[in-house]
Amino acid sequence: MRGQTRDAWRWALRDVELEVAPGEAVGLIGSNGSGKSTLLKLLNGVMYPTAGNVRVTGRIGSLIEVRAGIHPDLTGRENAYLYGSLLGLGRKGVTAKLDQIVEFAQLENAINRQVKFYSSGMQMRLGFAVAAFLEPDVLLVDEVLAVGDASFQQRCLQRMSEVHASGTTLVLVSHDLAAVESMCTRVLWLEQSYLRADGPAREVVAAYRHAVELQTELEADNDGEFRISAANIRRVDGAQPSTYHPLRITFSILSPTKQDSHVYIGVTEGTAPSIFTCAAQVTLEEGVNRLECVVDHLPLPRGSYSVWACATDDVGRFDLSPWHPIGSFDVMGPEPDDLPRAIVRLSAVQVRSTWEVRTPPSG
């Protein structure tokens, strides 16, 4: 552009070389602006590379944006036939799947209404249903499921599993690392336009979480009135943390005066919401106060985790020591490889339980 120098240009993707086999499920992760959506648009043919080549064979079904492939002046029914024609399907092929599309999208009372009168959630449901039920050879899904409610997100994940099981190649972009880990066998980590990692889902996701944790610690602002030191995190017997064993978290708080305080710690995966939290009401003396928190039975499976902390006065002022990371640790525990991939990360908490099966009498 006029007035811009060459240095003003920035590569959206650079030196990215990859091959996805038919029927493979691949996740794309990375921070905002790393190039994930750009790569998906290149695969879909919406954009073309300024250098290099992109080759995709077979019919492509994509949901890159909420309104991708949806014309606002057409009805939901007409949009389904339009999308089908773009995929190369005849009218009979779309008609055979139309009832399933309408039922999945929950649009029975709106399918003959113009899409411009749909809410964003309704448009997203229609777009996903059309893309997923017209049996594409390649299904590209960007971070659009966040528009839907939790129930619909779960149905979308289930449908993507069914589509992938039928032989469709799946490429999923999402910040929901648990969903990526459960849906995909392979994950690509993009960072600042480069491909930083390409490998098994659990390994790449764990490396990405660790990098996010380190960056968060570097950027953490702990300039409040209370100063919380880095935590020492071990089992009570001094060994490495492990599932179901007692965990001891030790840290210090520097207080300028004697005062009553509420202290909170939480365990997270990356910067996600806490998996669990612990709290205590204490009286801090002026100077360095050493605190110790023991979790009797650590309910976490094998993985990498972070400990976050904050402290307030007796009226709840969080600015005295904002919520920030104070340490990280790895957990030794059950290896989930023998579980079906779709339920490996169904929950980040693992608890002991006793089961009893009563079968009906024979005969």
Protein backbone atom coordinates (compact mmCIF):
# COMPACT_ATOMS: atom_id res chain seq x y z
CA MET A 1 0.00 0.00 0.00
CA ARG A 2 1.09 3.60 -0.64
CA GLY A 3 3.21 5.05 2.14
CA GLN A 4 4.02 1.65 3.68
CA THR A 5 7.52 0.22 3.80
CA ARG A 6 8.43 -3.38 3.20
CA ASP A 7 8.94 -3.85 6.94
CA ALA A 8 5.24 -3.04 7.51
CA TRP A 9 4.24 -6.38 5.98
CA ARG A 10 3.80 -9.40 8.22
CA TRP A 11 3.65 -13.05 7.24
CA ALA A 12 0.41 -14.75 8.28
CA LEU A 13 2.01 -18.16 7.67
CA ARG A 14 5.62 -18.92 6.86
CA ASP A 15 7.58 -22.12 6.21
CA VAL A 16 4.57 -24.28 7.12
CA GLU A 17 4.85 -27.71 5.53
CA LEU A 18 2.44 -30.50 6.40
CA GLU A 19 0.52 -33.43 5.00
CA VAL A 20 -2.77 -34.76 6.37
CA ALA A 21 -3.70 -38.32 5.47
CA PRO A 22 -7.26 -39.31 4.47
CA GLY A 23 -9.39 -40.05 7.53
CA GLU A 24 -7.02 -38.32 9.95
CA ALA A 25 -8.26 -36.01 12.74
CA VAL A 26 -5.95 -33.01 13.17
CA GLY A 27 -6.25 -30.15 15.65
CA LEU A 28 -4.84 -26.65 15.18
CA ILE A 29 -3.92 -24.75 18.34
CA GLY A 30 -2.08 -21.53 19.13
CA SER A 31 -2.67 -18.02 20.39
CA ASN A 32 -4.82 -15.48 18.53
CA GLY A 33 -3.04 -14.23 15.42
CA SER A 34 -0.83 -17.29 15.06
CA GLY A 35 -2.28 -18.22 11.65
CA LYS A 36 -4.81 -20.95 12.45
CA SER A 37 -7.80 -19.46 10.64
CA THR A 38 -5.60 -18.37 7.74
CA LEU A 39 -4.43 -21.96 7.28
CA LEU A 40 -8.03 -23.18 7.32
CA LYS A 41 -9.02 -20.60 4.69
CA LEU A 42 -6.12 -21.70 2.50
CA LEU A 43 -7.25 -25.32 2.78
CA ASN A 44 -10.79 -24.28 1.88
CA GLY A 45 -9.73 -22.21 -1.12
CA VAL A 46 -11.14 -18.98 0.34
CA MET A 47 -7.62 -17.53 0.24
CA TYR A 48 -4.61 -18.35 -1.93
CA PRO A 49 -0.97 -18.42 -0.80
CA THR A 50 1.48 -15.81 -2.09
CA ALA A 51 4.12 -18.54 -2.08
CA GLY A 52 3.98 -22.32 -1.99
CA ASN A 53 1.17 -24.71 -2.89
CA VAL A 54 -1.94 -26.09 -1.24
CA ARG A 55 -3.59 -29.27 -2.51
CA VAL A 56 -6.81 -30.72 -1.10
CA THR A 57 -8.69 -33.58 -2.77
CA GLY A 58 -12.34 -34.47 -2.30
CA ARG A 59 -15.41 -32.49 -1.24
CA ILE A 60 -14.74 -29.92 1.46
CA GLY A 61 -17.29 -29.02 4.11
CA SER A 62 -16.26 -26.00 6.13
CA LEU A 63 -17.51 -23.92 9.01
CA ILE A 64 -14.95 -21.14 9.30
CA GLU A 65 -17.32 -18.36 10.34
CA VAL A 66 -20.86 -18.32 11.69
CA ARG A 67 -22.26 -17.23 8.34
CA ALA A 68 -19.85 -19.18 6.14
CA GLY A 69 -21.70 -20.33 3.01
CA ILE A 70 -25.03 -18.96 4.29
CA HIS A 71 -26.96 -16.39 2.20
CA PRO A 72 -29.13 -14.15 4.40
CA ASP A 73 -31.86 -13.59 1.80
CA LEU A 74 -32.50 -17.31 1.30
CA THR A 75 -34.47 -19.55 3.64
CA GLY A 76 -32.78 -22.21 5.73
CA ARG A 77 -34.08 -24.87 3.33
CA GLU A 78 -32.79 -23.00 0.26
CA ASN A 79 -29.41 -22.53 1.92
CA ALA A 80 -29.13 -26.28 2.49
CA TYR A 81 -29.66 -26.92 -1.23
CA LEU A 82 -27.27 -24.11 -2.18
CA TYR A 83 -24.53 -25.47 0.07
CA GLY A 84 -25.12 -28.96 -1.32
CA SER A 85 -24.68 -27.73 -4.88
CA LEU A 86 -21.40 -26.06 -3.88
CA LEU A 87 -20.25 -29.44 -2.56
CA GLY A 88 -21.21 -31.05 -5.86
CA LEU A 89 -24.28 -32.87 -4.55
CA GLY A 90 -27.48 -33.16 -6.51
CA ARG A 91 -30.89 -32.16 -5.24
CA LYS A 92 -31.74 -35.76 -4.38
CA GLY A 93 -28.62 -36.06 -2.24
CA VAL A 94 -29.52 -32.99 -0.20
CA THR A 95 -33.17 -34.04 0.11
CA ALA A 96 -32.10 -37.38 1.58
CA LYS A 97 -30.26 -35.58 4.40
CA LEU A 98 -32.55 -32.57 4.88
CA ASP A 99 -34.68 -34.01 7.68
CA GLN A 100 -31.55 -34.89 9.67
CA ILE A 101 -30.14 -31.39 9.11
CA VAL A 102 -33.32 -29.69 10.30
CA GLU A 103 -33.68 -31.94 13.34
CA PHE A 104 -30.03 -31.51 14.39
CA ALA A 105 -30.16 -27.73 13.97
CA GLN A 106 -33.49 -27.59 15.88
CA LEU A 107 -35.00 -25.40 13.17
CA GLU A 108 -38.27 -27.26 12.52
CA ASN A 109 -40.28 -24.05 12.97
CA ALA A 110 -37.83 -21.77 11.14
CA ILE A 111 -36.43 -23.74 8.21
CA ASN A 112 -38.66 -21.88 5.71
CA ARG A 113 -37.81 -18.46 7.15
CA GLN A 114 -35.15 -16.18 5.64
CA VAL A 115 -31.82 -16.66 7.39
CA LYS A 116 -31.41 -12.89 7.95
CA PHE A 117 -34.11 -13.25 10.61
CA TYR A 118 -32.17 -16.01 12.42
CA SER A 119 -30.18 -15.32 15.56
CA SER A 120 -26.41 -15.93 15.46
CA GLY A 121 -26.93 -19.21 17.29
CA MET A 122 -29.54 -20.39 14.79
CA GLN A 123 -27.28 -19.49 11.86
CA MET A 124 -24.40 -21.37 13.46
CA ARG A 125 -26.57 -24.44 14.05
CA LEU A 126 -27.74 -24.41 10.43
CA GLY A 127 -24.21 -23.93 9.07
CA PHE A 128 -22.75 -26.72 11.17
CA ALA A 129 -25.60 -29.13 10.43
CA VAL A 130 -25.35 -28.57 6.67
CA ALA A 131 -21.54 -28.90 6.69
CA ALA A 132 -21.56 -32.05 8.83
CA PHE A 133 -24.53 -33.95 7.38
CA LEU A 134 -23.76 -33.63 3.67
CA GLU A 135 -20.89 -36.11 4.15
CA PRO A 136 -17.85 -34.13 2.96
CA ASP A 137 -14.53 -35.86 2.39
CA VAL A 138 -12.82 -33.13 4.42
CA LEU A 139 -14.50 -31.22 7.28
CA LEU A 140 -12.88 -27.93 8.37
CA VAL A 141 -14.19 -26.45 11.63
CA ASP A 142 -12.97 -23.16 13.11
CA GLU A 143 -13.64 -21.74 16.59
CA VAL A 144 -17.34 -21.22 15.91
CA LEU A 145 -18.78 -23.71 18.37
CA ALA A 146 -18.27 -21.16 21.14
CA VAL A 147 -21.37 -19.37 19.81
CA GLY A 148 -23.61 -22.26 20.83
CA ASP A 149 -24.70 -23.30 24.29
CA ALA A 150 -23.02 -26.16 26.18
CA SER A 151 -25.62 -28.71 25.10
CA PHE A 152 -25.23 -27.90 21.40
CA GLN A 153 -21.44 -27.86 21.67
CA GLN A 154 -21.55 -31.40 23.02
CA ARG A 155 -23.83 -32.51 20.19
CA CYS A 156 -21.45 -30.93 17.67
CA LEU A 157 -18.49 -32.80 19.16
CA GLN A 158 -20.47 -36.03 19.02
CA ARG A 159 -21.44 -35.40 15.39
CA MET A 160 -17.82 -34.63 14.45
CA SER A 161 -16.79 -37.93 16.02
CA GLU A 162 -19.41 -39.75 13.94
CA VAL A 163 -18.34 -37.96 10.75
CA HIS A 164 -14.68 -38.75 11.41
CA ALA A 165 -15.51 -42.40 12.19
CA SER A 166 -17.16 -42.67 8.77
CA GLY A 167 -13.84 -41.84 7.09
CA THR A 168 -14.01 -38.05 6.78
CA THR A 169 -10.78 -36.11 7.34
CA LEU A 170 -11.26 -33.62 10.19
CA VAL A 171 -9.31 -30.39 10.79
CA LEU A 172 -10.42 -28.63 13.98
CA VAL A 173 -9.34 -25.19 15.21
CA SER A 174 -10.22 -24.54 18.85
CA HIS A 175 -9.00 -22.92 22.05
CA ASP A 176 -10.80 -25.70 23.95
CA LEU A 177 -7.73 -27.87 24.48
CA ALA A 178 -9.70 -30.65 26.16
CA ALA A 179 -11.97 -30.94 23.09
CA VAL A 180 -8.98 -30.93 20.74
CA GLU A 181 -7.24 -33.61 22.80
CA SER A 182 -10.34 -35.83 22.84
CA MET A 183 -11.25 -35.36 19.16
CA CYS A 184 -7.84 -35.43 17.47
CA THR A 185 -5.00 -37.93 17.30
CA ARG A 186 -2.57 -35.31 15.96
CA VAL A 187 -2.15 -31.63 16.80
CA LEU A 188 -0.34 -28.77 15.05
CA TRP A 189 0.83 -25.84 17.19
CA LEU A 190 1.17 -22.57 15.29
CA GLU A 191 3.04 -19.66 16.83
CA GLN A 192 3.62 -16.27 15.18
CA SER A 193 3.02 -17.73 11.69
CA TYR A 194 5.43 -20.67 12.16
CA LEU A 195 4.69 -24.33 12.84
CA ARG A 196 6.22 -24.85 16.28
CA ALA A 197 5.14 -28.44 16.91
CA ASP A 198 3.47 -31.30 15.05
CA GLY A 199 2.85 -34.57 16.87
CA PRO A 200 0.58 -36.72 19.05
CA ALA A 201 -2.29 -34.73 20.54
CA ARG A 202 -1.49 -35.17 24.21
CA GLU A 203 2.22 -34.31 23.83
CA VAL A 204 1.67 -31.16 21.77
CA VAL A 205 -1.22 -29.93 23.94
CA ALA A 206 0.89 -30.48 27.08
CA ALA A 207 3.80 -28.52 25.56
CA TYR A 208 1.46 -25.68 24.58
CA ARG A 209 -0.08 -25.54 28.07
CA HIS A 210 3.39 -25.40 29.59
CA ALA A 211 4.41 -22.53 27.32
CA VAL A 212 1.23 -20.61 28.21
CA GLU A 213 1.91 -21.15 31.92
CA LEU A 214 5.48 -19.85 31.60
CA GLN A 215 4.35 -16.79 29.67
CA THR A 216 1.62 -16.10 32.21
CA GLU A 217 4.14 -16.27 35.06
CA LEU A 218 6.41 -13.81 33.24
CA GLU A 219 3.54 -11.38 32.68
CA ALA A 220 1.94 -11.81 36.09
CA ASP A 221 1.49 -8.60 38.08
CA ASN A 222 2.14 -9.28 41.76
CA ASP A 223 2.59 -5.67 42.87
CA GLY A 224 -0.15 -5.78 45.48
CA GLU A 225 0.23 -5.05 49.16
CA PHE A 226 0.76 -8.76 49.92
CA ARG A 227 3.75 -10.44 48.24
CA ILE A 228 3.27 -14.18 47.62
CA SER A 229 6.39 -16.26 46.97
CA ALA A 230 6.78 -19.14 44.54
CA ALA A 231 5.28 -22.37 45.83
CA ASN A 232 6.96 -25.64 46.68
CA ILE A 233 4.66 -28.46 45.54
CA ARG A 234 5.39 -32.05 46.60
CA ARG A 235 3.72 -35.06 48.12
CA VAL A 236 3.56 -35.09 51.90
CA ASP A 237 6.33 -37.73 51.93
CA GLY A 238 8.49 -35.53 49.67
CA ALA A 239 7.99 -37.55 46.49
CA GLN A 240 6.68 -36.27 43.14
CA PRO A 241 2.93 -35.50 43.17
CA SER A 242 0.81 -38.49 42.17
CA THR A 243 -2.85 -39.33 41.81
CA TYR A 244 -4.75 -40.12 45.04
CA HIS A 245 -1.77 -39.26 47.29
CA PRO A 246 -1.67 -36.28 49.71
CA LEU A 247 -0.25 -33.12 48.15
CA ARG A 248 1.49 -30.37 50.12
CA ILE A 249 1.66 -26.80 48.74
CA THR A 250 4.00 -24.52 50.68
CA PHE A 251 4.45 -20.79 50.04
CA SER A 252 5.06 -17.51 51.87
CA ILE A 253 3.19 -14.21 52.09
CA LEU A 254 4.97 -10.98 52.96
CA SER A 255 2.54 -8.71 54.83
CA PRO A 256 3.35 -5.07 55.70
CA THR A 257 1.12 -5.15 58.81
CA LYS A 258 -0.76 -7.55 61.02
CA GLN A 259 -4.20 -8.17 59.54
CA ASP A 260 -6.90 -10.76 58.97
CA SER A 261 -6.88 -12.22 55.48
CA HIS A 262 -8.51 -14.75 53.19
CA VAL A 263 -6.03 -16.81 51.15
CA TYR A 264 -7.06 -18.76 48.05
CA ILE A 265 -5.14 -21.21 45.89
CA GLY A 266 -6.35 -23.01 42.79
CA VAL A 267 -5.02 -25.71 40.48
CA THR A 268 -5.41 -25.17 36.73
CA GLU A 269 -4.44 -26.60 33.37
CA GLY A 270 -2.82 -23.67 31.56
CA THR A 271 -4.82 -20.49 32.15
CA ALA A 272 -8.17 -22.29 32.22
CA PRO A 273 -10.54 -21.91 35.19
CA SER A 274 -9.43 -23.76 38.30
CA ILE A 275 -10.04 -27.48 38.45
CA PHE A 276 -10.38 -27.10 42.19
CA THR A 277 -9.67 -24.42 44.80
CA CYS A 278 -8.77 -24.30 48.47
CA ALA A 279 -9.36 -21.38 50.84
CA ALA A 280 -8.46 -20.41 54.39
CA GLN A 281 -9.09 -17.51 56.73
CA VAL A 282 -5.84 -16.59 58.50
CA THR A 283 -4.27 -13.82 60.56
CA LEU A 284 -1.07 -12.59 58.92
CA GLU A 285 1.64 -11.09 61.09
CA GLU A 286 3.88 -8.27 59.88
CA GLY A 287 6.72 -9.80 57.88
CA VAL A 288 7.06 -13.18 56.15
CA ASN A 289 4.30 -15.70 56.91
CA ARG A 290 4.79 -19.31 55.85
CA LEU A 291 1.64 -21.14 54.76
CA GLU A 292 1.06 -24.79 54.05
CA CYS A 293 -1.96 -26.35 52.36
CA VAL A 294 -2.41 -30.14 52.22
CA VAL A 295 -4.83 -31.80 49.78
CA ASP A 296 -5.62 -35.19 51.34
CA HIS A 297 -6.27 -37.11 48.11
CA LEU A 298 -5.08 -35.45 44.88
CA PRO A 299 -7.90 -36.07 42.36
CA LEU A 300 -5.85 -35.32 39.22
CA PRO A 301 -4.79 -37.79 36.52
CA ARG A 302 -1.37 -37.79 34.91
CA GLY A 303 -0.49 -34.38 33.44
CA SER A 304 0.98 -30.92 33.98
CA TYR A 305 -0.75 -28.35 36.19
CA SER A 306 -0.28 -24.88 37.67
CA VAL A 307 -0.98 -23.44 41.11
CA TRP A 308 -2.50 -19.94 41.29
CA ALA A 309 -3.00 -17.85 44.41
CA CYS A 310 -4.40 -14.59 45.76
CA ALA A 311 -4.95 -12.99 49.14
CA THR A 312 -7.56 -10.49 50.34
CA ASP A 313 -8.18 -8.54 53.50
CA ASP A 314 -11.21 -9.26 55.67
CA VAL A 315 -13.47 -7.15 53.41
CA GLY A 316 -12.46 -9.00 50.24
CA ARG A 317 -10.14 -6.55 48.44
CA PHE A 318 -8.50 -8.72 45.77
CA ASP A 319 -6.18 -5.93 44.61
CA LEU A 320 -4.00 -6.58 47.67
CA SER A 321 -2.60 -9.61 45.80
CA PRO A 322 -4.27 -10.37 42.45
CA TRP A 323 -4.91 -13.93 41.21
CA HIS A 324 -1.63 -15.06 39.64
CA PRO A 325 0.44 -18.25 39.12
CA ILE A 326 2.94 -19.19 41.83
CA GLY A 327 4.16 -22.56 40.57
CA SER A 328 3.65 -25.62 38.40
CA PHE A 329 3.96 -29.37 38.88
CA ASP A 330 3.62 -32.70 37.09
CA VAL A 331 1.43 -35.52 38.35
CA MET A 332 2.31 -39.18 38.10
CA GLY A 333 -0.80 -41.26 37.76
CA PRO A 334 -2.92 -43.68 35.74
CA GLU A 335 -2.05 -43.82 32.07
CA PRO A 336 -5.26 -43.24 30.05
CA ASP A 337 -3.99 -44.77 26.79
CA ASP A 338 -6.15 -47.85 27.27
CA LEU A 339 -9.31 -45.71 27.32
CA PRO A 340 -11.25 -44.76 24.18
CA ARG A 341 -9.78 -41.51 22.87
CA ALA A 342 -13.15 -39.70 23.00
CA ILE A 343 -13.31 -40.03 26.80
CA VAL A 344 -9.65 -39.67 27.77
CA ARG A 345 -10.17 -36.03 28.78
CA LEU A 346 -13.85 -36.20 29.59
CA SER A 347 -12.95 -34.70 32.97
CA ALA A 348 -9.82 -33.21 34.50
CA VAL A 349 -10.68 -34.74 37.87
CA GLN A 350 -10.26 -38.42 38.65
CA VAL A 351 -11.89 -39.91 41.76
CA ARG A 352 -11.93 -43.34 43.32
CA SER A 353 -15.25 -45.16 43.34
CA THR A 354 -16.76 -48.50 44.33
CA TRP A 355 -18.97 -50.30 41.84
CA GLU A 356 -21.47 -53.11 42.27
CA VAL A 357 -23.23 -54.91 39.44
CA ARG A 358 -26.41 -56.84 40.12
CA THR A 359 -27.41 -59.00 37.18
CA PRO A 360 -30.91 -60.40 36.70
CA PRO A 361 -31.40 -64.04 37.75
CA SER A 362 -30.70 -66.50 34.96
CA GLY A 363 -33.49 -68.50 33.45
